[in-house]
Amino acid sequence: MALLLRVVLLCGVADFARSLSITTPEQMIEKAKGETAYLPCKFTLGAEDQGPLDIEWLLSPADNQKVDQVIILYSGDKIYDDYYQDLKGRVHFTSSDLKSGDASINVTNLQLSDIGTYQCKVKKAPGVGNKKIQLTVLVKPSGTRCYVDGSEEIGNDFKLKCEPKEGSLPLRYEWQKLSNSQKLPTSWLAEMNSPVISVKNATTEYSGTYSCTVKNRVGSDQCLLRLDVVPPSNRAGTIAGAVIGILLALVLIGLIVFCCHKKRREKKYEKEVHHDISSSTLTRLMALQWYKYEGLLKNLKYYTIWLLDLIDCNMLKESPKHRDDSSCKTVRTFPLYAMALGMSVRGIKICTGQILD
């Protein structure tokens, strides 16, 4: 029996001596978006692990739509970190000497797409080991806004609201009063951890400064709200003022439209008058020029006739036949000749001797 126990112990010691072991336990890590996640992976080597050291980190995306992706690799004393485009330049080994037994990595500037299961694999033949780490990236609450939904008047019902612009669920809310008695009204206590507080039958005691803090597992954010509960306003006067303001605005718009229309009509009339004046002036100038030319032609015609009359009369007077026969009977062809030249009837009579000078 003692011999059998000794053999078992020797076998166990030999197996432990030659095995590669990753000492980091599997775990879940939560970090905020934009921060750096430290993913530990420390290992020990056995005496018989004499092969080349290979270290490989893989990512199994949370959506389960993609296959496992190699994100960084150490092999042959070289580091390769450009396998996965989404993490390129954002994943690094933390140790400069990986052979010392530290294969941990940092993932910087975390994004929601980095959520998933990361697996560390270490191999140094004949030893092999691996561990998984679940990484969750959360968004801190930010851009929180506090405001009053309703009219802050005595006797009214309204709501105090606290709304973060972004933040991963679950979110926790906490209201506090910072001024006056610094105590929330008793009726609000049930909703002090809610994003909305319903105010019933408001009184002036509710006036003051309030804060709302929003938290989740990776961060918090806060906003302030100033509440002033005042007496009811004169609604009739407000409505009357609004109606009068609207009427004045309509009258002003009507005046502007009327003035613009009138101005446009005046411009149109000026253009038409200018066009009529231009046309009338041009017509008168053309008529005047034509009258001048017409008078010149008439004068030229009269001068021509007068010269022809004078020339023909002198010719006839010098003719012997004319001197012998004052009745111009022998000169029968002259009237026709004279008329063909456009001579006046008086000129014909003068030249034929019917009218003697």
Protein backbone atom coordinates (compact mmCIF):
# COMPACT_ATOMS: atom_id res chain seq x y z
CA MET A 1 0.00 0.00 0.00
CA ALA A 2 2.81 2.38 0.85
CA LEU A 3 4.56 1.50 -2.38
CA LEU A 4 1.45 2.28 -4.43
CA LEU A 5 1.04 5.65 -2.72
CA ARG A 6 4.67 6.54 -3.45
CA VAL A 7 4.21 5.76 -7.14
CA VAL A 8 1.12 7.96 -7.38
CA LEU A 9 2.87 10.86 -5.68
CA LEU A 10 5.89 10.58 -7.95
CA CYS A 11 3.67 10.60 -11.04
CA GLY A 12 1.81 13.67 -9.78
CA VAL A 13 5.01 15.56 -9.06
CA ALA A 14 6.38 14.69 -12.49
CA ASP A 15 3.17 15.86 -14.17
CA PHE A 16 3.17 19.14 -12.23
CA ALA A 17 6.78 19.74 -13.05
CA ARG A 18 6.27 19.56 -16.80
CA SER A 19 2.87 21.32 -17.11
CA LEU A 20 2.32 24.93 -18.26
CA SER A 21 -0.23 26.70 -16.09
CA ILE A 22 -2.10 30.04 -16.38
CA THR A 23 -2.46 31.34 -12.86
CA THR A 24 -4.95 34.12 -13.58
CA PRO A 25 -8.54 33.04 -12.83
CA GLU A 26 -11.39 33.53 -15.26
CA GLN A 27 -13.23 36.72 -14.43
CA MET A 28 -15.63 39.46 -15.59
CA ILE A 29 -14.44 43.03 -16.02
CA GLU A 30 -16.62 46.13 -16.36
CA LYS A 31 -15.16 49.39 -17.61
CA ALA A 32 -16.50 52.70 -18.88
CA LYS A 33 -16.45 53.74 -22.51
CA GLY A 34 -13.25 55.62 -23.33
CA GLU A 35 -11.26 54.09 -20.49
CA THR A 36 -8.50 51.45 -20.61
CA ALA A 37 -9.18 47.82 -19.72
CA TYR A 38 -6.43 45.70 -18.18
CA LEU A 39 -6.88 42.01 -19.10
CA PRO A 40 -4.53 39.86 -16.94
CA CYS A 41 -2.95 36.62 -18.14
CA LYS A 42 -0.02 35.34 -16.08
CA PHE A 43 1.49 31.89 -16.50
CA THR A 44 4.18 29.55 -15.21
CA LEU A 45 6.24 27.04 -17.18
CA GLY A 46 7.25 23.52 -16.34
CA ALA A 47 10.79 22.15 -16.51
CA GLU A 48 9.99 20.17 -19.60
CA ASP A 49 8.36 23.11 -21.48
CA GLN A 50 11.26 23.70 -23.81
CA GLY A 51 9.50 24.52 -27.08
CA PRO A 52 9.14 28.04 -28.61
CA LEU A 53 6.83 30.38 -26.70
CA ASP A 54 3.61 31.37 -28.52
CA ILE A 55 1.01 33.72 -27.01
CA GLU A 56 -2.32 34.42 -28.68
CA TRP A 57 -5.28 36.59 -27.67
CA LEU A 58 -8.66 36.00 -29.32
CA LEU A 59 -11.97 37.88 -29.15
CA SER A 60 -15.41 36.32 -29.38
CA PRO A 61 -17.75 39.31 -30.11
CA ALA A 62 -20.87 39.60 -27.96
CA ASP A 63 -23.26 39.57 -30.93
CA ASN A 64 -22.23 35.99 -31.80
CA GLN A 65 -22.44 36.94 -35.47
CA LYS A 66 -18.67 36.90 -36.01
CA VAL A 67 -16.11 34.14 -35.64
CA ASP A 68 -13.32 34.40 -33.12
CA GLN A 69 -10.82 37.07 -34.09
CA VAL A 70 -7.08 37.06 -33.33
CA ILE A 71 -6.33 40.51 -31.90
CA ILE A 72 -2.64 40.17 -30.94
CA LEU A 73 0.00 37.47 -31.30
CA TYR A 74 3.49 36.75 -30.00
CA SER A 75 5.48 34.19 -31.95
CA GLY A 76 9.15 33.78 -32.82
CA ASP A 77 10.10 36.65 -30.51
CA LYS A 78 7.94 39.06 -32.56
CA ILE A 79 4.65 40.80 -31.78
CA TYR A 80 1.87 41.03 -34.36
CA ASP A 81 -1.00 43.39 -33.44
CA ASP A 82 -2.66 44.26 -36.75
CA TYR A 83 -4.93 41.24 -37.16
CA TYR A 84 -8.21 42.87 -36.06
CA GLN A 85 -9.03 46.19 -37.69
CA ASP A 86 -11.46 47.36 -34.98
CA LEU A 87 -8.72 47.13 -32.32
CA LYS A 88 -5.76 48.15 -34.44
CA GLY A 89 -3.51 50.47 -32.44
CA ARG A 90 -5.55 50.01 -29.25
CA VAL A 91 -4.29 46.65 -27.90
CA HIS A 92 -0.80 46.15 -26.41
CA PHE A 93 1.09 43.72 -24.18
CA THR A 94 1.77 45.23 -20.75
CA SER A 95 5.14 43.51 -20.31
CA SER A 96 8.21 44.09 -22.42
CA ASP A 97 9.50 40.59 -21.53
CA LEU A 98 6.79 38.06 -22.25
CA LYS A 99 9.04 35.17 -21.37
CA SER A 100 8.90 36.28 -17.76
CA GLY A 101 5.41 34.81 -17.51
CA ASP A 102 3.19 37.88 -18.07
CA ALA A 103 1.00 37.84 -21.18
CA SER A 104 -1.46 40.50 -19.93
CA ILE A 105 -2.77 43.15 -22.35
CA ASN A 106 -4.29 46.64 -22.25
CA VAL A 107 -7.20 47.66 -24.46
CA THR A 108 -7.31 51.45 -24.68
CA ASN A 109 -10.12 53.90 -25.55
CA LEU A 110 -12.82 51.30 -25.01
CA GLN A 111 -15.81 51.28 -27.36
CA LEU A 112 -19.12 49.45 -27.15
CA SER A 113 -17.96 47.23 -30.01
CA ASP A 114 -15.20 45.89 -27.72
CA ILE A 115 -17.71 43.99 -25.60
CA GLY A 116 -17.12 40.24 -25.71
CA THR A 117 -15.14 37.29 -24.39
CA TYR A 118 -11.35 37.54 -24.57
CA GLN A 119 -9.29 34.35 -24.50
CA CYS A 120 -5.59 34.13 -23.62
CA LYS A 121 -3.72 31.12 -25.06
CA VAL A 122 -0.16 30.29 -24.08
CA LYS A 123 1.81 27.48 -25.71
CA LYS A 124 5.32 26.25 -25.01
CA ALA A 125 5.56 22.65 -26.12
CA PRO A 126 4.56 20.39 -24.71
CA GLY A 127 2.66 22.71 -22.34
CA VAL A 128 -0.56 24.51 -23.39
CA GLY A 129 -2.93 26.67 -21.36
CA ASN A 130 -5.80 29.15 -21.83
CA LYS A 131 -8.11 31.40 -19.81
CA LYS A 132 -11.20 33.50 -20.66
CA ILE A 133 -12.13 36.98 -19.51
CA GLN A 134 -15.55 38.56 -20.03
CA LEU A 135 -15.30 42.29 -20.84
CA THR A 136 -18.31 44.59 -20.54
CA VAL A 137 -18.14 48.21 -21.68
CA LEU A 138 -20.64 50.58 -20.09
CA VAL A 139 -21.45 54.23 -20.79
CA LYS A 140 -21.26 56.71 -17.94
CA PRO A 141 -24.30 58.94 -17.38
CA SER A 142 -23.70 62.33 -19.00
CA GLY A 143 -25.52 65.37 -20.31
CA THR A 144 -28.12 65.14 -17.52
CA ARG A 145 -30.85 67.80 -17.67
CA CYS A 146 -33.24 68.85 -14.88
CA TYR A 147 -36.40 70.81 -15.67
CA VAL A 148 -39.98 71.53 -14.57
CA ASP A 149 -42.78 70.12 -16.70
CA GLY A 150 -45.77 72.39 -16.03
CA SER A 151 -46.62 75.80 -14.56
CA GLU A 152 -44.88 76.67 -11.27
CA GLU A 153 -47.88 78.33 -9.64
CA ILE A 154 -49.49 77.90 -6.24
CA GLY A 155 -52.09 75.13 -6.27
CA ASN A 156 -50.92 73.67 -9.60
CA ASP A 157 -49.73 70.14 -10.34
CA PHE A 158 -46.43 69.73 -12.22
CA LYS A 159 -43.44 67.40 -12.49
CA LEU A 160 -39.74 67.63 -11.77
CA LYS A 161 -37.78 65.62 -14.35
CA CYS A 162 -34.21 64.36 -14.48
CA GLU A 163 -33.04 63.02 -17.87
CA PRO A 164 -29.48 61.95 -18.79
CA LYS A 165 -28.51 62.24 -22.43
CA GLU A 166 -26.75 58.87 -22.31
CA GLY A 167 -25.87 56.17 -19.81
CA SER A 168 -25.91 52.37 -19.65
CA LEU A 169 -28.67 50.70 -17.69
CA PRO A 170 -29.42 50.17 -14.91
CA LEU A 171 -29.51 53.79 -13.75
CA ARG A 172 -30.12 54.96 -10.20
CA TYR A 173 -31.53 58.40 -9.32
CA GLU A 174 -31.23 60.45 -6.15
CA TRP A 175 -32.95 63.80 -5.48
CA GLN A 176 -31.78 66.27 -2.85
CA LYS A 177 -32.86 69.73 -1.75
CA LEU A 178 -29.89 72.09 -1.40
CA SER A 179 -31.53 75.26 -0.08
CA ASN A 180 -33.85 76.41 2.71
CA SER A 181 -34.74 73.49 4.99
CA GLN A 182 -32.82 71.02 2.76
CA LYS A 183 -35.57 68.50 3.35
CA LEU A 184 -37.73 67.05 0.64
CA PRO A 185 -41.48 67.32 1.20
CA THR A 186 -42.87 64.17 2.82
CA SER A 187 -45.08 63.44 -0.19
CA TRP A 188 -41.99 63.28 -2.42
CA LEU A 189 -40.07 60.65 -0.43
CA ALA A 190 -41.57 57.75 -2.35
CA GLU A 191 -40.17 59.19 -5.61
CA MET A 192 -36.80 60.49 -4.45
CA ASN A 193 -35.08 57.62 -6.34
CA SER A 194 -37.15 58.10 -9.48
CA PRO A 195 -36.33 60.17 -12.58
CA VAL A 196 -39.68 61.99 -12.16
CA ILE A 197 -41.21 63.60 -9.05
CA SER A 198 -44.92 64.43 -9.30
CA VAL A 199 -45.84 67.60 -7.42
CA LYS A 200 -49.46 67.97 -6.27
CA ASN A 201 -51.11 71.20 -5.08
CA ALA A 202 -47.85 73.15 -5.02
CA THR A 203 -47.08 75.63 -2.25
CA THR A 204 -44.36 78.24 -1.77
CA GLU A 205 -42.63 75.86 0.68
CA TYR A 206 -41.57 73.77 -2.32
CA SER A 207 -39.45 76.62 -3.71
CA GLY A 208 -35.71 76.11 -3.64
CA THR A 209 -32.73 74.52 -5.41
CA TYR A 210 -32.74 70.79 -6.05
CA SER A 211 -30.11 68.38 -7.37
CA CYS A 212 -30.55 65.10 -9.19
CA THR A 213 -27.69 62.58 -9.28
CA VAL A 214 -27.72 59.77 -11.84
CA LYS A 215 -25.49 56.73 -11.29
CA ASN A 216 -24.61 53.40 -12.84
CA ARG A 217 -21.83 50.91 -12.19
CA VAL A 218 -19.13 52.95 -13.96
CA GLY A 219 -19.92 56.58 -13.18
CA SER A 220 -22.35 59.33 -12.24
CA ASP A 221 -23.62 62.72 -13.36
CA GLN A 222 -25.57 65.54 -11.71
CA CYS A 223 -27.85 68.43 -12.63
CA LEU A 224 -29.39 71.33 -10.68
CA LEU A 225 -32.92 72.75 -10.78
CA ARG A 226 -34.29 76.01 -9.38
CA LEU A 227 -37.96 75.81 -8.43
CA ASP A 228 -39.93 79.04 -7.77
CA VAL A 229 -43.58 78.53 -6.84
CA VAL A 230 -45.40 81.85 -7.46
CA PRO A 231 -49.00 83.13 -7.18
CA PRO A 232 -51.26 82.50 -10.21
CA SER A 233 -50.86 85.07 -12.96
CA ASN A 234 -53.66 87.20 -14.48
CA ARG A 235 -54.51 84.90 -17.36
CA ALA A 236 -57.25 87.16 -18.74
CA GLY A 237 -54.82 90.05 -19.02
CA THR A 238 -52.21 87.78 -20.56
CA ILE A 239 -54.67 86.50 -23.16
CA ALA A 240 -55.87 90.04 -23.95
CA GLY A 241 -52.30 91.22 -24.34
CA ALA A 242 -51.53 88.33 -26.63
CA VAL A 243 -54.61 89.06 -28.80
CA ILE A 244 -53.71 92.76 -29.05
CA GLY A 245 -50.16 91.87 -29.94
CA ILE A 246 -51.35 89.55 -32.71
CA LEU A 247 -53.73 92.21 -34.09
CA LEU A 248 -50.96 94.83 -34.12
CA ALA A 249 -48.69 92.39 -35.88
CA LEU A 250 -51.38 91.72 -38.53
CA VAL A 251 -51.92 95.47 -39.05
CA LEU A 252 -48.18 96.01 -39.42
CA ILE A 253 -47.94 93.17 -41.93
CA GLY A 254 -50.90 94.65 -43.87
CA LEU A 255 -49.25 98.08 -44.01
CA ILE A 256 -46.00 96.58 -45.24
CA VAL A 257 -47.83 94.62 -47.96
CA PHE A 258 -49.84 97.73 -49.01
CA CYS A 259 -46.73 99.90 -49.22
CA CYS A 260 -44.88 97.32 -51.24
CA HIS A 261 -47.83 96.94 -53.63
CA LYS A 262 -48.17 100.70 -54.01
CA LYS A 263 -44.47 101.11 -54.67
CA ARG A 264 -44.62 98.39 -57.29
CA ARG A 265 -47.58 100.05 -59.06
CA GLU A 266 -45.78 103.42 -59.08
CA LYS A 267 -42.72 101.86 -60.68
CA LYS A 268 -44.90 100.14 -63.28
CA TYR A 269 -46.70 103.45 -64.08
CA GLU A 270 -43.39 105.29 -64.43
CA LYS A 271 -42.15 102.67 -66.87
CA GLU A 272 -45.34 102.90 -68.98
CA VAL A 273 -45.24 106.74 -69.04
CA HIS A 274 -41.60 106.74 -70.01
CA HIS A 275 -42.35 104.27 -72.80
CA ASP A 276 -45.28 106.40 -74.11
CA ILE A 277 -43.19 109.58 -74.02
CA SER A 278 -40.36 107.90 -75.87
CA SER A 279 -42.72 106.57 -78.57
CA SER A 280 -44.47 109.95 -79.01
CA THR A 281 -41.17 111.81 -79.21
CA LEU A 282 -39.85 109.39 -81.83
CA THR A 283 -43.03 109.75 -83.91
CA ARG A 284 -42.82 113.54 -83.80
CA LEU A 285 -39.16 113.56 -84.82
CA MET A 286 -39.88 111.27 -87.75
CA ALA A 287 -42.85 113.43 -88.83
CA LEU A 288 -40.75 116.60 -88.61
CA GLN A 289 -37.98 115.05 -90.70
CA TRP A 290 -40.49 113.84 -93.27
CA TYR A 291 -42.10 117.32 -93.43
CA LYS A 292 -38.69 118.84 -94.07
CA TYR A 293 -37.92 116.39 -96.87
CA GLU A 294 -41.38 116.77 -98.37
CA GLY A 295 -41.06 120.57 -98.47
CA LEU A 296 -37.65 120.29 -100.07
CA LEU A 297 -39.01 118.00 -102.80
CA LYS A 298 -41.90 120.34 -103.49
CA ASN A 299 -39.59 123.35 -103.75
CA LEU A 300 -37.25 121.38 -106.02
CA LYS A 301 -40.19 120.53 -108.27
CA TYR A 302 -41.34 124.14 -108.45
CA TYR A 303 -37.83 125.37 -109.21
CA THR A 304 -37.44 122.80 -111.97
CA ILE A 305 -40.75 123.77 -113.58
CA TRP A 306 -39.90 127.44 -113.34
CA LEU A 307 -36.54 126.91 -115.09
CA LEU A 308 -38.09 124.80 -117.81
CA ASP A 309 -40.75 127.47 -118.34
CA LEU A 310 -38.13 130.14 -118.59
CA ILE A 311 -35.91 128.15 -120.99
CA ASP A 312 -38.77 127.11 -123.28
CA CYS A 313 -40.25 130.57 -123.41
CA ASN A 314 -36.98 132.11 -124.45
CA MET A 315 -36.56 129.49 -127.15
CA LEU A 316 -40.03 130.17 -128.59
CA LYS A 317 -39.65 133.88 -128.45
CA GLU A 318 -36.49 133.67 -130.50
CA SER A 319 -38.22 131.50 -133.11
CA PRO A 320 -39.12 133.33 -136.36
CA LYS A 321 -42.37 131.49 -136.58
CA HIS A 322 -43.39 132.74 -133.26
CA ARG A 323 -42.67 136.28 -134.20
CA ASP A 324 -44.61 135.96 -137.45
CA ASP A 325 -47.62 134.21 -135.93
CA SER A 326 -48.43 135.35 -132.42
CA SER A 327 -51.32 132.90 -132.20
CA CYS A 328 -48.77 130.05 -131.97
CA LYS A 329 -50.79 128.00 -134.42
CA THR A 330 -47.68 126.89 -136.25
CA VAL A 331 -46.19 125.63 -133.02
CA ARG A 332 -48.56 122.77 -132.34
CA THR A 333 -46.25 120.36 -130.73
CA PHE A 334 -44.96 122.58 -127.91
CA PRO A 335 -47.89 122.25 -125.51
CA LEU A 336 -47.52 118.47 -125.59
CA TYR A 337 -43.77 118.74 -125.13
CA ALA A 338 -44.20 121.24 -122.32
CA MET A 339 -46.81 119.13 -120.56
CA ALA A 340 -44.52 116.11 -120.80
CA LEU A 341 -41.88 118.10 -118.99
CA GLY A 342 -44.40 119.07 -116.32
CA MET A 343 -44.75 122.75 -117.24
CA SER A 344 -47.56 124.72 -115.74
CA VAL A 345 -50.52 125.81 -117.86
CA ARG A 346 -49.47 129.42 -117.41
CA GLY A 347 -46.00 128.62 -118.74
CA ILE A 348 -47.43 126.92 -121.80
CA LYS A 349 -49.60 129.95 -122.56
CA ILE A 350 -46.68 132.28 -122.10
CA CYS A 351 -44.43 130.24 -124.39
CA THR A 352 -47.09 129.87 -127.08
CA GLY A 353 -47.78 133.59 -127.09
CA GLN A 354 -51.24 133.33 -125.67
CA ILE A 355 -50.04 135.49 -122.80
CA LEU A 356 -47.35 137.90 -123.82
CA ASP A 357 -45.09 139.60 -121.37
